[in-house]
Amino acid sequence: MSQHIEIEFKNMLTKEEYLHLITEFSINETMIDTQINHYFDTEKFQLKEMGSALRIREKEGRFELTLKQPLAVGLLETNQELTKDVAFSMLQGGSLPSGIVRDQLEKNDFPINKLQYFGSLTTKRCELQYKGGLLVLDHSLYLLKEDYELEYEVEDPVEGELTFKQLLQSFNIPIRVTENKIKRFYNQKYSLH
């Protein structure tokens, strides 16, 4: 169980830009992991309204429950390991288990009993150390859609933003307004109705 502040910059990529970066950074299949994000909210999207997100991340047979909440700079990320049985129970409509994530939601008087599972997004991810931060290349598949994204996680928001913009510029990638995965997932989910 842990909490930390996440500061990251994101930019959507075209498939061509993604493939170009894969080549430029000499990334091969063994460097790419697959993870599945399972998203939760209330029917009225109360987490989304708070700028927050709740997910279970499934990776290499492990399950982690994560709550992201907005801060003045970055996001407060609260993580809690889950057993496979507890994770599958939540996916089948079971309740949120006790622990640091539940405690964090209860502090905000959040209606935990109204949480429901909305669906999953699968990401093929490669992570690289780059100029003092973590560079992440993502290829995501969800709800009949796929997209490509570049993320840069840093400690220092000012220096990180400068480095990220220089990287984009060096590859002639335009800066694009980029929503996080859960927002893209929900936008796609409701465009299909």
Protein backbone atom coordinates (compact mmCIF):
# COMPACT_ATOMS: atom_id res chain seq x y z
CA MET A 1 0.00 0.00 0.00
CA SER A 2 1.35 3.38 -0.88
CA GLN A 3 0.65 6.95 -1.84
CA HIS A 4 2.69 9.20 -4.08
CA ILE A 5 2.33 12.30 -6.21
CA GLU A 6 2.26 11.67 -9.95
CA ILE A 7 3.47 14.45 -12.25
CA GLU A 8 3.27 13.51 -15.90
CA PHE A 9 2.95 15.05 -19.31
CA LYS A 10 0.98 13.33 -22.09
CA ASN A 11 0.65 13.67 -25.83
CA MET A 12 -1.40 11.63 -28.27
CA LEU A 13 0.54 10.15 -31.18
CA THR A 14 -0.41 8.99 -34.64
CA LYS A 15 0.42 5.36 -35.42
CA GLU A 16 3.26 6.59 -37.65
CA GLU A 17 4.74 8.77 -34.86
CA TYR A 18 4.47 5.88 -32.42
CA LEU A 19 6.22 3.46 -34.78
CA HIS A 20 8.92 6.07 -35.50
CA LEU A 21 9.62 6.47 -31.75
CA ILE A 22 9.70 2.68 -31.29
CA THR A 23 12.40 2.55 -33.98
CA GLU A 24 14.34 5.60 -32.74
CA PHE A 25 14.52 4.26 -29.17
CA SER A 26 15.41 0.72 -30.40
CA ILE A 27 12.41 -0.84 -28.66
CA ASN A 28 11.76 -4.52 -29.30
CA GLU A 29 8.87 -6.82 -28.32
CA THR A 30 10.64 -8.03 -25.15
CA MET A 31 10.56 -4.45 -23.81
CA ILE A 32 6.76 -4.13 -24.18
CA ASP A 33 4.45 -5.29 -21.37
CA THR A 34 0.68 -5.72 -21.49
CA GLN A 35 -1.54 -4.37 -18.75
CA ILE A 36 -5.30 -4.16 -18.39
CA ASN A 37 -7.03 -1.28 -16.60
CA HIS A 38 -10.51 -2.06 -15.22
CA TYR A 39 -12.44 1.18 -14.52
CA PHE A 40 -15.00 1.96 -11.81
CA ASP A 41 -17.27 4.92 -11.04
CA THR A 42 -20.84 5.54 -9.94
CA GLU A 43 -23.71 5.65 -12.43
CA LYS A 44 -23.66 9.46 -12.10
CA PHE A 45 -19.84 9.62 -12.56
CA GLN A 46 -19.19 11.12 -9.14
CA LEU A 47 -15.48 10.25 -9.27
CA LYS A 48 -15.14 11.85 -12.69
CA GLU A 49 -16.94 14.98 -11.39
CA MET A 50 -14.32 15.19 -8.61
CA GLY A 51 -11.51 14.90 -11.19
CA SER A 52 -10.71 11.47 -9.74
CA ALA A 53 -10.42 7.96 -11.15
CA LEU A 54 -10.55 4.43 -9.73
CA ARG A 55 -9.13 1.39 -11.45
CA ILE A 56 -7.76 -2.09 -10.96
CA ARG A 57 -4.58 -2.62 -12.99
CA GLU A 58 -3.88 -6.22 -13.98
CA LYS A 59 -0.26 -6.84 -14.96
CA GLU A 60 1.79 -10.05 -15.01
CA GLY A 61 -0.78 -11.85 -12.85
CA ARG A 62 -0.78 -9.11 -10.19
CA PHE A 63 -3.66 -6.78 -9.34
CA GLU A 64 -3.42 -3.25 -7.95
CA LEU A 65 -6.28 -0.98 -6.98
CA THR A 66 -5.48 2.69 -7.68
CA LEU A 67 -7.34 5.87 -6.80
CA LYS A 68 -6.13 9.08 -8.50
CA GLN A 69 -7.18 12.42 -7.02
CA PRO A 70 -6.26 15.93 -8.22
CA LEU A 71 -3.74 18.10 -6.39
CA ALA A 72 -2.57 21.65 -7.10
CA VAL A 73 0.35 20.08 -9.01
CA GLY A 74 -0.07 16.51 -10.26
CA LEU A 75 -2.24 13.75 -8.86
CA LEU A 76 -2.30 11.96 -5.53
CA GLU A 77 -2.09 8.29 -6.40
CA THR A 78 -3.19 5.82 -3.72
CA ASN A 79 -2.29 2.18 -4.47
CA GLN A 80 -3.34 -1.05 -2.82
CA GLU A 81 -2.35 -4.59 -3.84
CA LEU A 82 -5.28 -6.99 -4.33
CA THR A 83 -5.47 -10.75 -4.53
CA LYS A 84 -6.83 -12.18 -7.76
CA ASP A 85 -9.98 -13.32 -5.92
CA VAL A 86 -10.69 -9.86 -4.47
CA ALA A 87 -10.05 -8.21 -7.86
CA PHE A 88 -12.37 -10.65 -9.67
CA SER A 89 -15.01 -10.15 -6.97
CA MET A 90 -14.96 -6.37 -7.63
CA LEU A 91 -15.24 -6.99 -11.38
CA GLN A 92 -18.30 -9.16 -10.72
CA GLY A 93 -20.00 -6.38 -8.75
CA GLY A 94 -18.50 -7.11 -5.35
CA SER A 95 -17.76 -4.36 -2.87
CA LEU A 96 -14.64 -2.26 -2.51
CA PRO A 97 -12.29 -4.06 -0.09
CA SER A 98 -11.11 -2.42 3.11
CA GLY A 99 -7.77 -0.67 2.98
CA ILE A 100 -6.08 2.62 2.10
CA VAL A 101 -8.17 3.26 -1.06
CA ARG A 102 -11.47 2.75 0.73
CA ASP A 103 -10.23 4.93 3.63
CA GLN A 104 -9.30 7.72 1.18
CA LEU A 105 -12.78 7.64 -0.41
CA GLU A 106 -14.52 7.54 2.97
CA LYS A 107 -12.58 10.67 4.03
CA ASN A 108 -14.42 12.45 1.20
CA ASP A 109 -17.84 10.98 2.12
CA PHE A 110 -17.89 9.15 -1.20
CA PRO A 111 -20.84 6.71 -1.72
CA ILE A 112 -18.71 3.55 -1.99
CA ASN A 113 -21.77 1.28 -2.24
CA LYS A 114 -22.68 3.00 -5.54
CA LEU A 115 -19.45 2.04 -7.33
CA GLN A 116 -19.81 -0.09 -10.44
CA TYR A 117 -17.52 -1.63 -13.02
CA PHE A 118 -17.59 0.11 -16.42
CA GLY A 119 -15.16 -1.83 -18.59
CA SER A 120 -11.53 -2.40 -19.48
CA LEU A 121 -8.74 -0.87 -21.52
CA THR A 122 -5.70 -2.93 -22.58
CA THR A 123 -2.35 -1.19 -23.02
CA LYS A 124 0.86 -2.43 -24.57
CA ARG A 125 3.46 -0.34 -22.71
CA CYS A 126 7.18 0.34 -22.95
CA GLU A 127 8.96 2.33 -20.24
CA LEU A 128 12.39 3.95 -20.67
CA GLN A 129 14.56 6.18 -18.49
CA TYR A 130 14.95 9.51 -20.30
CA LYS A 131 16.72 12.65 -19.06
CA GLY A 132 15.84 12.23 -15.39
CA GLY A 133 12.27 11.02 -15.95
CA LEU A 134 10.33 7.98 -17.13
CA LEU A 135 9.30 7.99 -20.79
CA VAL A 136 6.29 5.78 -21.55
CA LEU A 137 5.05 4.69 -24.99
CA ASP A 138 1.51 3.28 -24.91
CA HIS A 139 -0.62 1.52 -27.52
CA SER A 140 -4.13 1.17 -26.04
CA LEU A 141 -7.11 -0.90 -27.22
CA TYR A 142 -10.63 -0.40 -25.91
CA LEU A 143 -14.23 -0.52 -27.13
CA LEU A 144 -13.44 -1.03 -30.87
CA LYS A 145 -10.81 1.75 -30.74
CA GLU A 146 -7.04 1.96 -30.54
CA ASP A 147 -4.79 4.91 -29.82
CA TYR A 148 -1.16 5.79 -29.22
CA GLU A 149 0.26 8.01 -26.51
CA LEU A 150 3.55 9.32 -25.15
CA GLU A 151 3.83 10.04 -21.41
CA TYR A 152 6.68 11.53 -19.42
CA GLU A 153 6.67 11.08 -15.61
CA VAL A 154 8.89 13.45 -13.64
CA GLU A 155 9.67 14.83 -10.19
CA ASP A 156 10.13 18.46 -11.30
CA PRO A 157 7.12 19.80 -13.26
CA VAL A 158 8.95 22.80 -14.77
CA GLU A 159 12.02 20.96 -15.99
CA GLY A 160 9.90 17.96 -17.01
CA GLU A 161 7.59 20.04 -19.19
CA LEU A 162 10.57 21.67 -20.92
CA THR A 163 12.23 18.30 -21.61
CA PHE A 164 8.95 16.82 -22.86
CA LYS A 165 8.29 19.71 -25.24
CA GLN A 166 11.88 19.51 -26.55
CA LEU A 167 11.44 15.79 -27.19
CA LEU A 168 8.21 16.37 -29.13
CA GLN A 169 9.83 19.17 -31.12
CA SER A 170 12.89 17.05 -31.97
CA PHE A 171 10.60 14.44 -33.57
CA ASN A 172 8.30 17.04 -35.20
CA ILE A 173 5.33 15.83 -33.13
CA PRO A 174 2.72 18.58 -32.59
CA ILE A 175 1.51 19.24 -29.06
CA ARG A 176 -2.00 17.81 -28.82
CA VAL A 177 -4.54 18.24 -26.05
CA THR A 178 -4.50 14.79 -24.45
CA GLU A 179 -7.08 13.45 -22.04
CA ASN A 180 -6.13 10.64 -19.70
CA LYS A 181 -7.04 7.04 -20.53
CA ILE A 182 -10.13 6.86 -18.35
CA LYS A 183 -11.61 9.98 -20.01
CA ARG A 184 -10.85 8.60 -23.47
CA PHE A 185 -12.43 5.30 -22.42
CA TYR A 186 -15.63 7.01 -21.19
CA ASN A 187 -15.80 9.27 -24.27
CA GLN A 188 -15.60 6.21 -26.50
CA LYS A 189 -18.06 4.21 -24.38
CA TYR A 190 -20.71 6.91 -24.67
CA SER A 191 -20.08 7.66 -28.32
CA LEU A 192 -21.13 4.05 -29.02
CA HIS A 193 -24.59 4.50 -27.44
